[in-house]
Amino acid sequence: MKLYRGDRTLDGLEVTVDASPLDTHTNIKTFSENGFEWGYEGPEPLQLALAILFDHFGDGEKAVRHADVFMQGVVANFNNEWEMTTDDVNVALKNLGCV
């Protein structure tokens, strides 16, 4: 089971998956070239949603298809520090009607 984490630090934002930096996956789709953000709806949170979903699914098309709903329902509601497991992602996707 993977663990996704985000934190606001003095050095900026840190987003990891299993303690390694999460790739932005702009090669799949670029919503923002400014990296990740969360706690609101916008291009940077959308990039984070895409990155989490691509890492989770391993399928770029599926990640892009569900990124907006996942951003609105999950990423936009993250606090300064957050974490999600693979199971949490699956539950969120189910609750959002994405699976």
Protein backbone atom coordinates (compact mmCIF):
# COMPACT_ATOMS: atom_id res chain seq x y z
CA MET A 1 0.00 0.00 0.00
CA LYS A 2 1.37 3.41 -1.00
CA LEU A 3 1.35 6.47 1.23
CA TYR A 4 0.95 9.93 -0.28
CA ARG A 5 1.92 12.90 1.92
CA GLY A 6 1.97 16.64 1.58
CA ASP A 7 3.44 19.26 3.89
CA ARG A 8 4.09 22.99 3.88
CA THR A 9 7.61 23.56 5.17
CA LEU A 10 9.85 26.60 5.55
CA ASP A 11 11.51 25.50 2.31
CA GLY A 12 8.22 25.19 0.42
CA LEU A 13 5.84 22.39 -0.38
CA GLU A 14 6.81 18.75 -0.11
CA VAL A 15 4.75 16.02 -1.73
CA THR A 16 5.90 12.43 -1.47
CA VAL A 17 4.79 8.93 -2.27
CA ASP A 18 6.33 6.33 0.04
CA ALA A 19 8.81 8.99 1.26
CA SER A 20 10.11 9.78 -2.27
CA PRO A 21 9.20 12.97 -4.15
CA LEU A 22 6.04 12.61 -6.24
CA ASP A 23 6.68 13.44 -9.89
CA THR A 24 4.43 16.16 -11.38
CA HIS A 25 3.84 13.98 -14.45
CA THR A 26 3.65 17.00 -16.73
CA ASN A 27 4.62 14.55 -19.49
CA ILE A 28 1.08 13.14 -19.18
CA LYS A 29 -0.69 16.54 -19.09
CA THR A 30 0.41 19.99 -17.99
CA PHE A 31 -2.17 21.91 -16.02
CA SER A 32 0.51 24.00 -14.28
CA GLU A 33 4.24 24.43 -14.71
CA ASN A 34 4.39 25.92 -11.19
CA GLY A 35 4.35 22.57 -9.40
CA PHE A 36 1.86 21.43 -6.81
CA GLU A 37 -0.51 23.21 -4.47
CA TRP A 38 -3.63 22.24 -2.52
CA GLY A 39 -6.44 23.64 -0.41
CA TYR A 40 -8.25 25.41 -3.25
CA GLU A 41 -9.43 24.74 -6.81
CA GLY A 42 -6.96 25.71 -9.51
CA PRO A 43 -4.26 24.52 -11.92
CA GLU A 44 -1.64 23.62 -9.29
CA PRO A 45 -4.07 21.47 -7.24
CA LEU A 46 -5.21 19.93 -10.52
CA GLN A 47 -1.59 18.99 -11.31
CA LEU A 48 -1.35 17.35 -7.89
CA ALA A 49 -4.58 15.43 -8.48
CA LEU A 50 -3.26 14.20 -11.82
CA ALA A 51 0.07 13.16 -10.30
CA ILE A 52 -1.56 11.20 -7.47
CA LEU A 53 -4.00 9.51 -9.84
CA PHE A 54 -1.37 8.64 -12.43
CA ASP A 55 0.83 7.14 -9.73
CA HIS A 56 -2.20 5.31 -8.35
CA PHE A 57 -3.64 4.01 -11.65
CA GLY A 58 -0.52 3.82 -13.81
CA ASP A 59 -2.79 4.98 -16.63
CA GLY A 60 -2.45 8.52 -17.98
CA GLU A 61 -5.79 8.63 -19.77
CA LYS A 62 -7.67 7.45 -16.69
CA ALA A 63 -5.78 9.89 -14.46
CA VAL A 64 -6.60 12.85 -16.74
CA ARG A 65 -10.25 11.77 -16.97
CA HIS A 66 -10.72 11.80 -13.18
CA ALA A 67 -8.27 14.56 -12.18
CA ASP A 68 -10.77 17.43 -12.11
CA VAL A 69 -13.31 15.61 -9.94
CA PHE A 70 -10.54 14.33 -7.63
CA MET A 71 -9.09 17.83 -7.34
CA GLN A 72 -12.47 19.36 -6.47
CA GLY A 73 -13.55 16.62 -4.08
CA VAL A 74 -10.24 15.82 -2.39
CA VAL A 75 -7.18 17.97 -3.15
CA ALA A 76 -9.02 21.29 -2.79
CA ASN A 77 -9.95 20.21 0.75
CA PHE A 78 -6.48 19.20 1.96
CA ASN A 79 -5.12 21.00 5.03
CA ASN A 80 -1.52 22.25 5.30
CA GLU A 81 -0.40 18.72 6.14
CA TRP A 82 -2.17 15.71 4.66
CA GLU A 83 -1.71 12.05 3.89
CA MET A 84 -3.62 9.45 1.93
CA THR A 85 -3.06 5.74 1.50
CA THR A 86 -3.92 3.74 -1.58
CA ASP A 87 -7.08 2.63 0.23
CA ASP A 88 -8.02 6.27 0.95
CA VAL A 89 -7.63 7.11 -2.74
CA ASN A 90 -9.84 4.16 -3.70
CA VAL A 91 -12.54 5.18 -1.20
CA ALA A 92 -12.44 8.79 -2.39
CA LEU A 93 -12.72 7.72 -6.03
CA LYS A 94 -15.66 5.49 -5.21
CA ASN A 95 -17.40 8.26 -3.23
CA LEU A 96 -16.84 10.66 -6.13
CA GLY A 97 -18.35 8.17 -8.60
CA CYS A 98 -15.11 7.69 -10.49
CA VAL A 99 -15.00 3.89 -10.30
